[in-house]
């Protein structure tokens, strides 16, 4: 996207350097990274990066300052997973923008979805740094926002996760963490913050308190960096030692209710130039004739599960009336394939990540996914090269 950087990168690219990137990433993470890492970072023009950073903040504030929305979004929280002592704000927010190309050839971001949930905060720093080191990219390129550097970013991350507690009493909680593809991020987080990763199924509950076992000891859990996706708990029918509805003597980083409050459920409530038209399926009086220009999305799926691009009338009719409030119909975003690679044009999706600081969202870093399939998920791009997980680098 930044033409001189793209041209220089493509000219100097070699398969040997790409393999060095992958080996270096495995070594840094302490294990093999099992998802596909793209051959290239995304070079983001500074004005576009600023546009996305500001737009994401405006979108978040539009929701969290709207009392009517906050009241309505309570129904997005399943009763079995409504956690007590909800915080008045989301600690972590991720805003995903698809990059489109306007008729006059300019770039424009369009909101794809949002999450009030953590993402690959530690891994993304590692892959961004390695892109620069392995490929010899200009030092002034950065993945960080808000004037942050590596030390300040790590300080903010530790503060958000630890919340003033001793690392021994803070855990990263996930289901079956040993077998998650995101485990490289868990290992890096352990090193940065000094915390343990625990399987939610192995936590011990005594009264209102939770504990985890290490070296034969029970260690009190005072704060949970929650990485457990409810979808996985439900699909696996996991038996837990506590209920999310319990009034526990524990803090959450961030609070699980925001996973539901800031989600696809939010999209129909937004009014912003970067937000495509979105409707609850239950609110539609008539189904659009041009369904090829729309996407049908279940509200509470993860990693693209259940999403139908260009649904048919039969797809719409297949959703039961009683379940239609759990689906949205969103205007399709046409990504621009303007990242020039040796394998052709590639599309990009940029995730802008925010921490809640001093009563407002503060942009900290970007993540990027590259793809050439009809969607950006792994299943739609597994037969391609120059796609996959990437990093966004720009000049401040």
Protein backbone atom coordinates (compact mmCIF):
# COMPACT_ATOMS: atom_id res chain seq x y z
CA UNK A 1 0.00 0.00 0.00
CA UNK A 2 2.98 2.29 0.55
CA UNK A 3 4.37 1.81 -2.95
CA UNK A 4 8.10 2.33 -2.37
CA UNK A 5 8.11 0.01 0.64
CA UNK A 6 6.09 -2.63 -1.22
CA UNK A 7 8.30 -2.50 -4.29
CA UNK A 8 11.49 -2.77 -2.23
CA UNK A 9 10.07 -5.66 -0.18
CA UNK A 10 8.96 -7.67 -3.21
CA UNK A 11 12.29 -7.07 -4.96
CA UNK A 12 14.33 -8.25 -1.98
CA UNK A 13 12.06 -11.11 -0.89
CA UNK A 14 13.42 -14.64 -0.84
CA UNK A 15 11.98 -17.94 0.31
CA UNK A 16 15.05 -18.37 2.51
CA UNK A 17 14.22 -15.17 4.41
CA UNK A 18 10.62 -16.26 4.82
CA UNK A 19 11.72 -19.61 6.27
CA UNK A 20 14.07 -17.73 8.61
CA UNK A 21 11.10 -15.63 9.73
CA UNK A 22 9.11 -18.77 10.54
CA UNK A 23 11.99 -20.46 12.38
CA UNK A 24 12.73 -17.27 14.33
CA UNK A 25 9.08 -16.93 15.27
CA UNK A 26 8.95 -20.50 16.58
CA UNK A 27 12.14 -19.91 18.57
CA UNK A 28 10.83 -16.66 20.05
CA UNK A 29 7.50 -18.21 21.04
CA UNK A 30 9.09 -21.39 22.38
CA UNK A 31 6.90 -23.63 20.21
CA UNK A 32 5.76 -24.10 16.64
CA UNK A 33 3.27 -21.50 15.41
CA UNK A 34 0.56 -23.67 13.89
CA UNK A 35 -1.41 -21.05 11.96
CA UNK A 36 -0.23 -19.62 8.64
CA UNK A 37 2.03 -16.58 8.86
CA UNK A 38 2.00 -14.36 5.79
CA UNK A 39 5.19 -13.80 3.83
CA UNK A 40 4.83 -10.04 4.18
CA UNK A 41 3.69 -7.37 6.61
CA UNK A 42 1.18 -4.75 5.51
CA UNK A 43 2.67 -1.30 4.94
CA UNK A 44 -0.11 1.08 6.02
CA UNK A 45 -0.15 4.73 4.89
CA UNK A 46 -0.04 6.95 7.98
CA UNK A 47 -3.26 8.89 7.13
CA UNK A 48 -5.15 5.60 6.74
CA UNK A 49 -3.78 4.31 10.03
CA UNK A 50 -4.87 7.48 11.82
CA UNK A 51 -8.29 7.28 10.16
CA UNK A 52 -8.82 3.74 11.48
CA UNK A 53 -7.51 4.57 14.96
CA UNK A 54 -9.85 7.57 15.32
CA UNK A 55 -12.83 5.79 13.72
CA UNK A 56 -12.47 2.84 16.09
CA UNK A 57 -12.42 5.13 19.11
CA UNK A 58 -15.52 6.98 17.85
CA UNK A 59 -17.35 3.68 17.35
CA UNK A 60 -16.50 2.45 20.85
CA UNK A 61 -17.53 5.72 22.51
CA UNK A 62 -20.77 5.77 20.51
CA UNK A 63 -21.72 2.51 22.23
CA UNK A 64 -20.37 2.81 25.77
CA UNK A 65 -21.82 6.32 26.20
CA UNK A 66 -25.27 5.24 24.99
CA UNK A 67 -27.44 4.28 27.98
CA UNK A 68 -30.18 2.89 25.70
CA UNK A 69 -27.69 0.64 23.93
CA UNK A 70 -26.14 -0.57 27.18
CA UNK A 71 -29.61 -1.47 28.43
CA UNK A 72 -30.49 -3.28 25.20
CA UNK A 73 -27.18 -5.14 25.08
CA UNK A 74 -27.89 -6.89 28.37
CA UNK A 75 -30.06 -9.32 26.41
CA UNK A 76 -27.01 -10.25 24.35
CA UNK A 77 -25.51 -11.94 27.44
CA UNK A 78 -26.70 -15.57 27.74
CA UNK A 79 -28.13 -16.12 31.24
CA UNK A 80 -25.74 -19.03 31.92
CA UNK A 81 -22.75 -16.77 31.21
CA UNK A 82 -23.81 -13.50 32.82
CA UNK A 83 -20.96 -12.76 35.22
CA UNK A 84 -21.43 -10.74 38.42
CA UNK A 85 -19.64 -7.47 39.22
CA UNK A 86 -19.50 -6.23 35.65
CA UNK A 87 -17.07 -3.36 35.03
CA UNK A 88 -18.56 -0.12 33.65
CA UNK A 89 -16.28 -0.29 30.61
CA UNK A 90 -14.54 -2.91 28.42
CA UNK A 91 -10.85 -3.26 29.32
CA UNK A 92 -9.89 -4.63 25.90
CA UNK A 93 -11.50 -3.78 22.56
CA UNK A 94 -10.65 -4.95 19.04
CA UNK A 95 -12.09 -3.24 15.96
CA UNK A 96 -11.74 -5.09 12.63
CA UNK A 97 -11.68 -3.00 9.45
CA UNK A 98 -11.79 -4.42 5.93
CA UNK A 99 -9.77 -2.27 3.56
CA UNK A 100 -11.74 -1.23 0.50
CA UNK A 101 -10.89 0.82 -2.55
CA UNK A 102 -13.09 3.74 -3.58
CA UNK A 103 -14.05 4.59 -7.14
CA UNK A 104 -11.32 7.24 -7.27
CA UNK A 105 -8.66 4.74 -6.21
CA UNK A 106 -8.35 5.81 -2.58
CA UNK A 107 -8.36 3.46 0.41
CA UNK A 108 -11.26 3.38 2.86
CA UNK A 109 -11.81 1.26 6.00
CA UNK A 110 -15.14 -0.49 6.62
CA UNK A 111 -16.08 -2.05 9.93
CA UNK A 112 -16.34 -5.84 9.80
CA UNK A 113 -16.90 -6.57 13.48
CA UNK A 114 -15.77 -5.71 16.98
CA UNK A 115 -14.87 -7.60 20.14
CA UNK A 116 -14.80 -6.61 23.79
CA UNK A 117 -12.25 -9.35 24.36
CA UNK A 118 -8.46 -9.86 24.42
CA UNK A 119 -6.51 -10.79 21.32
CA UNK A 120 -2.89 -11.76 20.54
CA UNK A 121 -1.34 -8.90 22.49
CA UNK A 122 2.01 -10.61 23.12
CA UNK A 123 2.39 -12.62 19.91
CA UNK A 124 1.69 -9.59 17.74
CA UNK A 125 4.66 -7.71 19.14
CA UNK A 126 6.94 -10.68 18.42
CA UNK A 127 5.86 -11.14 14.80
CA UNK A 128 5.99 -7.38 14.12
CA UNK A 129 9.55 -7.13 15.45
CA UNK A 130 10.68 -10.19 13.50
CA UNK A 131 9.31 -8.89 10.20
CA UNK A 132 11.53 -5.85 10.68
CA UNK A 133 14.60 -7.78 11.81
CA UNK A 134 14.54 -10.65 9.32
CA UNK A 135 13.73 -8.55 6.28
CA UNK A 136 15.88 -5.57 7.28
CA UNK A 137 12.97 -3.11 7.16
CA UNK A 138 13.37 0.56 8.13
CA UNK A 139 13.71 0.95 11.91
CA UNK A 140 11.20 3.80 12.02
CA UNK A 141 8.35 1.50 10.93
CA UNK A 142 6.18 0.65 13.93
CA UNK A 143 3.13 -1.49 14.79
CA UNK A 144 2.41 0.65 17.87
CA UNK A 145 -0.15 3.44 18.15
CA UNK A 146 -0.42 6.47 20.40
CA UNK A 147 3.32 7.20 20.36
CA UNK A 148 4.08 3.95 22.22
CA UNK A 149 7.36 2.09 21.98
CA UNK A 150 8.06 -1.49 23.06
CA UNK A 151 8.76 -0.69 26.73
CA UNK A 152 5.70 1.51 27.17
CA UNK A 153 3.49 -1.03 25.42
CA UNK A 154 4.70 -3.82 27.70
CA UNK A 155 4.14 -1.58 30.73
CA UNK A 156 0.54 -0.91 29.64
CA UNK A 157 -0.05 -4.61 28.95
CA UNK A 158 1.27 -5.65 32.37
CA UNK A 159 -0.81 -2.98 34.08
CA UNK A 160 -3.97 -4.08 32.26
CA UNK A 161 -3.48 -7.79 32.94
CA UNK A 162 -2.09 -7.64 36.49
CA UNK A 163 -4.22 -4.76 37.75
CA UNK A 164 -1.84 -4.18 40.66
CA UNK A 165 -1.88 -7.81 41.86
CA UNK A 166 1.16 -10.04 42.35
CA UNK A 167 1.77 -12.12 39.19
CA UNK A 168 1.43 -15.35 41.21
CA UNK A 169 -2.22 -14.48 41.92
CA UNK A 170 -3.13 -13.65 38.31
CA UNK A 171 -3.83 -16.37 35.73
CA UNK A 172 -4.46 -16.60 32.02
CA UNK A 173 -7.53 -18.85 31.88
CA UNK A 174 -8.48 -20.91 28.83
CA UNK A 175 -10.03 -24.26 28.07
CA UNK A 176 -7.46 -26.90 27.03
CA UNK A 177 -4.73 -24.24 26.62
CA UNK A 178 -2.06 -26.81 25.67
CA UNK A 179 -3.90 -27.52 22.41
CA UNK A 180 -5.04 -24.03 21.39
CA UNK A 181 -3.53 -22.53 18.24
CA UNK A 182 -3.14 -19.31 20.23
CA UNK A 183 -0.80 -21.03 22.71
CA UNK A 184 2.27 -19.12 21.37
CA UNK A 185 0.61 -15.95 22.63
CA UNK A 186 -0.04 -17.61 26.01
CA UNK A 187 3.64 -18.53 26.40
CA UNK A 188 4.81 -15.04 25.52
CA UNK A 189 2.25 -13.51 27.91
CA UNK A 190 3.55 -15.74 30.71
CA UNK A 191 7.06 -14.37 30.14
CA UNK A 192 6.02 -10.73 29.86
CA UNK A 193 3.69 -10.71 32.87
CA UNK A 194 5.07 -13.55 35.01
CA UNK A 195 1.66 -15.26 35.23
CA UNK A 196 0.56 -18.87 34.87
CA UNK A 197 -1.78 -20.28 32.23
CA UNK A 198 -4.47 -22.53 33.70
CA UNK A 199 -7.13 -24.80 32.25
CA UNK A 200 -10.54 -23.55 33.37
CA UNK A 201 -11.54 -27.17 34.06
CA UNK A 202 -8.74 -27.55 36.63
CA UNK A 203 -9.53 -24.50 38.75
CA UNK A 204 -10.50 -25.23 42.36
CA UNK A 205 -13.44 -23.44 44.03
CA UNK A 206 -13.72 -23.04 47.80
CA UNK A 207 -16.58 -20.82 48.87
CA UNK A 208 -16.33 -17.59 46.85
CA UNK A 209 -12.64 -18.06 46.12
CA UNK A 210 -10.84 -19.75 43.21
CA UNK A 211 -7.44 -21.45 43.28
CA UNK A 212 -5.04 -23.14 40.87
CA UNK A 213 -2.57 -25.92 41.60
CA UNK A 214 1.18 -25.65 41.14
CA UNK A 215 3.91 -27.81 42.67
CA UNK A 216 1.34 -29.44 44.94
CA UNK A 217 0.14 -26.10 46.33
CA UNK A 218 -3.18 -24.29 45.97
CA UNK A 219 -2.53 -20.69 44.91
CA UNK A 220 -5.33 -18.09 45.33
CA UNK A 221 -6.58 -16.52 42.09
CA UNK A 222 -7.25 -12.83 42.58
CA UNK A 223 -7.50 -11.75 38.94
CA UNK A 224 -8.30 -13.66 35.72
CA UNK A 225 -7.01 -12.71 32.29
CA UNK A 226 -9.88 -14.47 30.56
CA UNK A 227 -9.21 -16.08 27.18
CA UNK A 228 -12.01 -18.66 27.39
CA UNK A 229 -14.42 -18.48 24.45
CA UNK A 230 -17.95 -19.43 25.47
CA UNK A 231 -18.54 -21.14 22.09
CA UNK A 232 -15.84 -23.68 22.94
CA UNK A 233 -17.24 -24.34 26.40
CA UNK A 234 -20.68 -25.02 24.96
CA UNK A 235 -19.47 -27.14 22.02
CA UNK A 236 -17.22 -29.27 24.21
CA UNK A 237 -19.88 -29.61 26.93
CA UNK A 238 -17.09 -28.85 29.40
CA UNK A 239 -17.74 -29.60 33.07
CA UNK A 240 -16.52 -26.62 35.10
CA UNK A 241 -15.71 -26.44 38.81
CA UNK A 242 -17.59 -23.14 39.06
CA UNK A 243 -20.40 -21.32 37.31
CA UNK A 244 -19.91 -18.02 35.51
CA UNK A 245 -23.03 -16.90 37.41
CA UNK A 246 -21.34 -17.39 40.80
CA UNK A 247 -20.58 -14.29 42.85
CA UNK A 248 -16.85 -14.92 43.06
CA UNK A 249 -14.20 -13.03 44.98
CA UNK A 250 -12.13 -12.39 41.85
CA UNK A 251 -11.38 -9.61 39.37
CA UNK A 252 -11.58 -10.05 35.61
CA UNK A 253 -9.21 -8.67 32.98
CA UNK A 254 -11.40 -7.97 31.08
CA UNK A 255 -14.87 -8.73 32.30
CA UNK A 256 -16.50 -11.60 30.31
CA UNK A 257 -19.83 -9.79 29.80
CA UNK A 258 -18.17 -7.40 27.34
CA UNK A 259 -17.50 -10.33 24.99
CA UNK A 260 -21.25 -10.24 24.30
CA UNK A 261 -21.94 -6.53 24.79
CA UNK A 262 -19.36 -5.42 22.19
CA UNK A 263 -19.89 -7.90 19.37
CA UNK A 264 -21.91 -8.36 16.21
CA UNK A 265 -24.88 -7.44 18.41
CA UNK A 266 -23.54 -3.87 18.40
CA UNK A 267 -23.51 -3.39 14.64
CA UNK A 268 -27.19 -2.44 14.03
CA UNK A 269 -26.92 0.27 16.71
CA UNK A 270 -24.03 2.11 15.07
CA UNK A 271 -24.21 5.22 12.92
CA UNK A 272 -20.77 5.93 11.52
CA UNK A 273 -19.33 6.46 8.00
CA UNK A 274 -17.16 3.34 8.31
CA UNK A 275 -20.05 1.06 9.37
CA UNK A 276 -21.94 -0.85 6.64
CA UNK A 277 -25.72 -1.17 6.93
CA UNK A 278 -26.59 -3.92 9.41
CA UNK A 279 -29.97 -5.23 10.59
CA UNK A 280 -31.15 -7.83 13.05
CA UNK A 281 -32.81 -10.55 11.02
CA UNK A 282 -35.78 -10.33 13.40
CA UNK A 283 -36.27 -6.64 12.51
CA UNK A 284 -36.45 -7.11 8.73
CA UNK A 285 -39.90 -6.48 7.30
CA UNK A 286 -38.82 -7.62 3.84
CA UNK A 287 -35.75 -9.54 2.72
CA UNK A 288 -33.55 -7.55 0.27
CA UNK A 289 -33.76 -8.66 -3.37
CA UNK A 290 -29.99 -8.28 -3.83
CA UNK A 291 -28.89 -10.88 -1.26
CA UNK A 292 -25.65 -11.26 -3.21
CA UNK A 293 -24.64 -7.91 -1.69
CA UNK A 294 -25.18 -9.04 1.91
CA UNK A 295 -23.66 -11.33 4.54
CA UNK A 296 -25.64 -13.39 7.07
CA UNK A 297 -23.88 -13.64 10.45
CA UNK A 298 -24.78 -15.43 13.67
CA UNK A 299 -24.21 -13.05 16.57
CA UNK A 300 -22.16 -15.26 18.81
CA UNK A 301 -19.92 -17.28 16.53
CA UNK A 302 -16.13 -17.14 16.63
CA UNK A 303 -13.52 -17.10 13.82
CA UNK A 304 -16.15 -16.82 11.08
CA UNK A 305 -18.12 -19.91 12.07
CA UNK A 306 -21.62 -19.94 10.56
CA UNK A 307 -21.13 -16.82 8.42
CA UNK A 308 -22.75 -17.03 4.96
CA UNK A 309 -21.52 -14.64 2.26
CA UNK A 310 -24.18 -13.86 -0.37
CA UNK A 311 -26.91 -15.91 1.34
CA UNK A 312 -29.88 -17.24 -0.59
CA UNK A 313 -33.50 -16.82 0.36
CA UNK A 314 -33.38 -20.47 1.48
CA UNK A 315 -30.53 -19.58 3.91
CA UNK A 316 -32.68 -16.82 5.39
CA UNK A 317 -35.76 -19.02 5.63
CA UNK A 318 -33.71 -21.74 7.32
CA UNK A 319 -33.25 -19.53 10.40
CA UNK A 320 -36.11 -20.26 12.78
CA UNK A 321 -38.33 -17.32 13.73
CA UNK A 322 -37.44 -17.87 17.39
CA UNK A 323 -33.72 -17.56 16.57
CA UNK A 324 -33.76 -14.58 14.22
CA UNK A 325 -32.80 -12.11 16.93
CA UNK A 326 -29.49 -13.97 17.08
CA UNK A 327 -28.55 -13.18 13.45
CA UNK A 328 -27.65 -10.01 11.57
CA UNK A 329 -27.76 -9.25 7.88
CA UNK A 330 -24.85 -6.96 7.00
CA UNK A 331 -24.08 -5.15 3.78
CA UNK A 332 -21.15 -6.95 2.15
CA UNK A 333 -17.80 -5.21 2.31
CA UNK A 334 -15.86 -5.54 -0.93
CA UNK A 335 -12.20 -5.74 0.05
CA UNK A 336 -9.70 -4.24 -2.38
CA UNK A 337 -6.99 -6.65 -3.57
CA UNK A 338 -4.42 -3.87 -3.69
CA UNK A 339 -1.51 -5.44 -1.78
CA UNK A 340 0.74 -6.32 -4.71
CA UNK A 341 2.56 -9.63 -4.23
CA UNK A 342 4.39 -12.03 -6.55
CA UNK A 343 1.25 -14.21 -6.40
CA UNK A 344 -1.15 -11.42 -7.33
CA UNK A 345 -3.31 -8.93 -5.47
CA UNK A 346 -4.04 -9.72 -1.83
CA UNK A 347 -6.77 -8.34 0.45
CA UNK A 348 -6.17 -7.10 3.98
CA UNK A 349 -8.13 -6.76 7.21
CA UNK A 350 -6.72 -4.59 9.99
CA UNK A 351 -7.57 -5.08 13.65
CA UNK A 352 -7.03 -1.94 15.72
CA UNK A 353 -6.61 -2.82 19.40
CA UNK A 354 -7.49 -0.56 22.33
CA UNK A 355 -6.96 -0.66 26.09
CA UNK A 356 -9.33 1.32 28.31
CA UNK A 357 -7.27 4.09 29.93
CA UNK A 358 -8.52 7.12 31.87
CA UNK A 359 -12.17 6.74 30.89
CA UNK A 360 -11.56 6.30 27.18
CA UNK A 361 -10.17 3.77 24.68
CA UNK A 362 -6.47 4.15 23.88
CA UNK A 363 -5.21 2.59 20.63
CA UNK A 364 -2.11 0.48 21.24
CA UNK A 365 -1.30 -1.86 18.33
CA UNK A 366 -2.58 -3.40 15.10
CA UNK A 367 -3.00 -6.96 13.86
CA UNK A 368 -3.47 -7.88 10.21
CA UNK A 369 -4.93 -10.76 8.23
CA UNK A 370 -4.22 -11.18 4.53
CA UNK A 371 -6.36 -13.24 2.20
CA UNK A 372 -7.52 -13.88 -1.33
CA UNK A 373 -10.52 -16.13 -0.59
CA UNK A 374 -14.13 -14.97 -0.33
CA UNK A 375 -13.55 -14.52 3.42
CA UNK A 376 -10.45 -13.83 5.49
CA UNK A 377 -10.59 -16.98 7.64
CA UNK A 378 -8.01 -19.76 7.39
CA UNK A 379 -10.45 -22.23 5.79
CA UNK A 380 -10.99 -19.86 2.86
CA UNK A 381 -7.28 -19.28 2.20
CA UNK A 382 -5.53 -22.58 2.92
CA UNK A 383 -4.51 -23.22 -0.70
CA UNK A 384 -2.88 -19.79 -1.17
CA UNK A 385 0.51 -18.26 -0.44
CA UNK A 386 1.11 -14.64 0.62
CA UNK A 387 -1.90 -14.84 2.95
CA UNK A 388 -2.43 -15.41 6.68
CA UNK A 389 -1.58 -13.73 9.95
CA UNK A 390 0.49 -10.60 9.47
CA UNK A 391 1.44 -7.27 11.04
CA UNK A 392 0.60 -3.68 10.22
CA UNK A 393 3.61 -1.37 10.02
CA UNK A 394 3.48 2.36 9.39
CA UNK A 395 5.50 5.53 9.74
CA UNK A 396 4.32 7.77 12.59
